[in-house]
Amino acid sequence: MSEKSKAYKRARTAEHFAEREKMILTSTRTLMDREGIENTSLSAVAREVGLAKSSLYRYYESREQILVALLQEEADLMIADFEKSLTEPKSQRDLKGIAKLWAKVCFTHPRLCLLVSQLSPILEHNLSTQRIVEAKLQFLHRHRQMAEILTAALPHMSEAGALAAVQYVFTIVAGLWPMKADRKNSLAALEHPELAHLKMNFEDTLASAIELCLLGILAKEQNWEPVLE
């Protein structure tokens, strides 16, 4: 049997298949960091991995599926940091402290924030219905993991409330991240006197939004009545 035939058979084993998938995700991560998500095409991924573009279809049906898989990996890394931050003995357990820790964890995972911001407008457009269902179920599982971590830190919040908080925060991240000006021309434009108020610190803005979100959920669950007069 030729070496080519042996390699072909090895590529068909579950172990080798998983290794190849991991290699594709690692190469995609490197490419995206270097060239930007807009230049992370299927052809570019194939070149980065060292495979023919046609070979990628054995592992992923589209560029978008690769990026969604990468998002799942990044979410797992973020969840681990989220749990570590909220369970450290010296961590602040008041709403402001939890909000700051949560925002900091998000900010230290920029790849995740970028992919979350691209999920609905771009990444889901070239996935089959079955792939979207699979991805959303995986996201829900991860949301529930985060909700469990949050209820441990905020025992007065219900599981449903914590899950809602997680979903709201990811929605806020998706909206805020594109507003974080980090390109030369955008930063220069914000130096205009009439645009200076549009400068935004992502981490601080997110922390404030998370604090308000948590406060609102607790207020609703505990039937707080705001003073309107």
Protein backbone atom coordinates (compact mmCIF):
# COMPACT_ATOMS: atom_id res chain seq x y z
CA MET A 1 0.00 0.00 0.00
CA SER A 2 1.39 3.42 -0.93
CA GLU A 3 2.04 6.20 1.61
CA LYS A 4 -0.62 8.24 -0.15
CA SER A 5 -3.18 5.48 0.41
CA LYS A 6 -2.19 5.15 4.07
CA ALA A 7 -2.55 8.88 4.59
CA TYR A 8 -5.95 8.79 2.91
CA LYS A 9 -7.10 6.03 5.28
CA ARG A 10 -5.73 7.87 8.32
CA ALA A 11 -7.73 10.93 7.28
CA ARG A 12 -10.88 8.83 7.54
CA THR A 13 -10.41 7.88 11.19
CA ALA A 14 -12.35 9.81 13.83
CA GLU A 15 -9.13 10.74 15.64
CA HIS A 16 -7.45 12.13 12.55
CA PHE A 17 -10.66 13.90 11.53
CA ALA A 18 -10.78 15.67 14.92
CA GLU A 19 -7.12 16.62 14.66
CA ARG A 20 -7.68 18.10 11.22
CA GLU A 21 -10.69 20.09 12.47
CA LYS A 22 -8.59 21.47 15.32
CA MET A 23 -5.82 22.41 12.91
CA ILE A 24 -8.31 24.25 10.70
CA LEU A 25 -9.67 26.23 13.67
CA THR A 26 -6.17 27.09 14.89
CA SER A 27 -5.19 28.32 11.43
CA THR A 28 -8.43 30.30 11.12
CA ARG A 29 -7.74 31.98 14.47
CA THR A 30 -4.26 32.98 13.32
CA LEU A 31 -5.52 34.22 9.96
CA MET A 32 -8.37 36.24 11.46
CA ASP A 33 -6.07 37.92 13.97
CA ARG A 34 -3.61 38.82 11.25
CA GLU A 35 -5.87 39.73 8.32
CA GLY A 36 -9.21 40.57 9.93
CA ILE A 37 -12.49 38.68 9.71
CA GLU A 38 -13.38 40.34 6.40
CA ASN A 39 -10.34 38.71 4.78
CA THR A 40 -10.85 35.30 6.37
CA SER A 41 -12.26 33.59 3.31
CA LEU A 42 -12.46 29.85 2.73
CA SER A 43 -9.65 30.11 0.18
CA ALA A 44 -7.48 32.01 2.64
CA VAL A 45 -8.16 29.43 5.36
CA ALA A 46 -7.21 26.63 2.96
CA ARG A 47 -3.91 28.36 2.16
CA GLU A 48 -3.20 28.94 5.85
CA VAL A 49 -3.89 25.28 6.69
CA GLY A 50 -2.04 23.95 3.65
CA LEU A 51 -5.01 22.10 2.19
CA ALA A 52 -6.83 22.37 -1.10
CA LYS A 53 -10.01 24.42 -0.76
CA SER A 54 -12.05 21.42 -1.86
CA SER A 55 -10.59 19.40 1.01
CA LEU A 56 -12.01 21.81 3.58
CA TYR A 57 -15.53 20.76 2.61
CA ARG A 58 -14.86 17.36 4.19
CA TYR A 59 -14.75 19.13 7.55
CA TYR A 60 -16.85 22.29 7.23
CA GLU A 61 -19.58 23.19 4.78
CA SER A 62 -18.69 26.89 4.66
CA ARG A 63 -16.47 29.67 5.98
CA GLU A 64 -19.31 30.62 8.29
CA GLN A 65 -19.44 27.18 9.87
CA ILE A 66 -15.71 27.41 10.61
CA LEU A 67 -16.18 30.79 12.28
CA VAL A 68 -19.15 29.56 14.32
CA ALA A 69 -17.05 26.61 15.51
CA LEU A 70 -14.31 29.05 16.44
CA LEU A 71 -16.87 31.13 18.33
CA GLN A 72 -17.82 28.06 20.37
CA GLU A 73 -14.16 27.50 21.32
CA GLU A 74 -13.72 31.15 22.26
CA ALA A 75 -16.90 31.01 24.36
CA ASP A 76 -15.52 28.06 26.33
CA LEU A 77 -12.35 30.01 27.09
CA MET A 78 -14.38 33.02 28.19
CA ILE A 79 -16.67 30.93 30.40
CA ALA A 80 -13.65 29.47 32.20
CA ASP A 81 -12.34 32.98 32.88
CA PHE A 82 -15.82 34.17 33.91
CA GLU A 83 -16.10 31.41 36.49
CA LYS A 84 -12.59 32.01 37.78
CA SER A 85 -13.23 35.75 38.14
CA LEU A 86 -16.50 35.34 40.05
CA THR A 87 -15.23 32.60 42.36
CA GLU A 88 -11.98 34.23 43.45
CA PRO A 89 -12.08 34.94 47.20
CA LYS A 90 -11.33 38.63 46.75
CA SER A 91 -13.83 39.25 43.97
CA GLN A 92 -16.50 41.89 44.61
CA ARG A 93 -19.94 40.38 44.95
CA ASP A 94 -22.03 43.57 44.69
CA LEU A 95 -23.71 44.36 41.38
CA LYS A 96 -21.14 46.96 40.36
CA GLY A 97 -18.25 44.63 41.16
CA ILE A 98 -19.79 41.69 39.28
CA ALA A 99 -20.57 43.94 36.31
CA LYS A 100 -16.97 45.20 36.18
CA LEU A 101 -15.56 41.67 36.34
CA TRP A 102 -17.93 40.47 33.63
CA ALA A 103 -17.06 43.39 31.34
CA LYS A 104 -13.35 42.85 31.92
CA VAL A 105 -13.65 39.17 30.98
CA CYS A 106 -15.45 40.11 27.76
CA PHE A 107 -12.86 42.74 26.90
CA THR A 108 -10.01 40.27 27.36
CA HIS A 109 -11.64 38.04 24.73
CA PRO A 110 -11.81 40.37 21.70
CA ARG A 111 -12.06 37.50 19.24
CA LEU A 112 -15.24 36.34 20.96
CA CYS A 113 -16.71 39.86 20.97
CA LEU A 114 -15.98 40.26 17.27
CA LEU A 115 -17.55 36.91 16.35
CA VAL A 116 -20.62 37.57 18.52
CA SER A 117 -21.11 40.90 16.75
CA GLN A 118 -21.00 39.11 13.38
CA LEU A 119 -23.20 36.13 14.27
CA SER A 120 -26.65 37.30 13.24
CA PRO A 121 -25.84 39.73 10.39
CA ILE A 122 -23.25 37.54 8.64
CA LEU A 123 -22.36 34.15 10.06
CA GLU A 124 -25.83 32.60 10.04
CA HIS A 125 -26.52 33.60 6.43
CA ASN A 126 -24.59 30.78 4.81
CA LEU A 127 -25.47 27.94 7.18
CA SER A 128 -28.06 25.25 6.60
CA THR A 129 -31.09 25.17 8.90
CA GLN A 130 -29.71 22.07 10.62
CA ARG A 131 -26.35 23.77 11.26
CA ILE A 132 -28.10 26.83 12.71
CA VAL A 133 -30.18 24.63 15.02
CA GLU A 134 -27.04 22.79 16.18
CA ALA A 135 -25.17 26.06 16.76
CA LYS A 136 -28.02 27.67 18.70
CA LEU A 137 -28.39 24.60 20.92
CA GLN A 138 -24.67 24.76 21.66
CA PHE A 139 -24.94 28.46 22.45
CA LEU A 140 -27.89 27.77 24.77
CA HIS A 141 -25.86 25.14 26.61
CA ARG A 142 -23.06 27.66 27.15
CA HIS A 143 -25.52 30.35 28.22
CA ARG A 144 -26.86 27.98 30.86
CA GLN A 145 -23.33 27.31 32.09
CA MET A 146 -22.81 31.04 32.55
CA ALA A 147 -26.20 31.39 34.23
CA GLU A 148 -25.22 28.76 36.81
CA ILE A 149 -22.01 30.66 37.55
CA LEU A 150 -23.97 33.90 37.87
CA THR A 151 -26.57 32.49 40.28
CA ALA A 152 -23.75 31.21 42.49
CA ALA A 153 -22.50 34.79 42.74
CA LEU A 154 -26.02 36.28 42.97
CA PRO A 155 -28.10 33.73 44.93
CA HIS A 156 -31.12 36.07 45.03
CA MET A 157 -31.44 35.94 41.26
CA SER A 158 -33.49 33.11 39.74
CA GLU A 159 -32.08 30.71 37.17
CA ALA A 160 -34.42 32.17 34.57
CA GLY A 161 -33.29 35.68 35.48
CA ALA A 162 -29.62 34.71 35.25
CA LEU A 163 -30.16 33.08 31.85
CA ALA A 164 -31.92 36.22 30.64
CA ALA A 165 -29.02 38.33 31.91
CA VAL A 166 -26.51 36.24 29.98
CA GLN A 167 -28.55 36.51 26.79
CA TYR A 168 -28.99 40.28 27.24
CA VAL A 169 -25.28 40.79 27.81
CA PHE A 170 -24.29 38.94 24.65
CA THR A 171 -26.81 41.09 22.76
CA ILE A 172 -25.25 44.22 24.25
CA VAL A 173 -21.76 43.03 23.34
CA ALA A 174 -22.90 42.42 19.76
CA GLY A 175 -24.13 46.01 19.56
CA LEU A 176 -21.27 47.72 21.37
CA TRP A 177 -18.30 45.98 19.78
CA PRO A 178 -18.70 47.48 16.28
CA MET A 179 -18.85 50.94 17.91
CA LYS A 180 -15.42 50.45 19.48
CA ALA A 181 -13.38 52.63 17.14
CA ASP A 182 -9.97 51.05 16.69
CA ARG A 183 -9.17 51.94 13.09
CA LYS A 184 -6.94 54.89 12.28
CA ASN A 185 -9.51 56.85 10.27
CA SER A 186 -12.28 56.26 12.82
CA LEU A 187 -10.09 57.41 15.70
CA ALA A 188 -9.05 60.49 13.75
CA ALA A 189 -12.68 61.34 12.97
CA LEU A 190 -13.59 61.27 16.67
CA GLU A 191 -11.06 64.03 17.30
CA HIS A 192 -13.49 66.43 15.61
CA PRO A 193 -14.89 68.75 18.34
CA GLU A 194 -18.52 67.92 17.52
CA LEU A 195 -17.85 64.15 17.56
CA ALA A 196 -15.76 63.90 20.72
CA HIS A 197 -18.79 62.78 22.74
CA LEU A 198 -18.97 59.65 20.58
CA LYS A 199 -15.70 58.30 21.98
CA MET A 200 -16.49 55.15 23.90
CA ASN A 201 -14.60 53.02 26.35
CA PHE A 202 -15.97 49.57 25.60
CA GLU A 203 -15.19 48.00 28.98
CA ASP A 204 -16.62 50.87 31.05
CA THR A 205 -19.74 51.18 28.88
CA LEU A 206 -20.36 47.45 29.00
CA ALA A 207 -19.89 47.37 32.77
CA SER A 208 -22.51 50.09 33.21
CA ALA A 209 -24.92 48.26 30.90
CA ILE A 210 -24.42 44.96 32.73
CA GLU A 211 -24.99 46.61 36.11
CA LEU A 212 -28.25 48.13 34.89
CA CYS A 213 -29.29 44.80 33.38
CA LEU A 214 -28.69 42.91 36.63
CA LEU A 215 -30.40 45.62 38.65
CA GLY A 216 -33.43 45.56 36.36
CA ILE A 217 -33.79 41.77 36.54
CA LEU A 218 -33.54 41.77 40.34
CA ALA A 219 -36.00 44.67 40.56
CA LYS A 220 -38.51 42.80 38.42
CA GLU A 221 -38.10 39.53 40.34
CA GLN A 222 -38.40 41.25 43.72
CA ASN A 223 -41.25 43.54 42.65
CA TRP A 224 -39.43 46.79 43.28
CA GLU A 225 -41.60 49.80 42.46
CA PRO A 226 -39.71 52.80 41.05
CA VAL A 227 -40.66 56.29 42.20
CA LEU A 228 -41.97 58.13 39.14
CA GLU A 229 -43.25 61.32 40.74
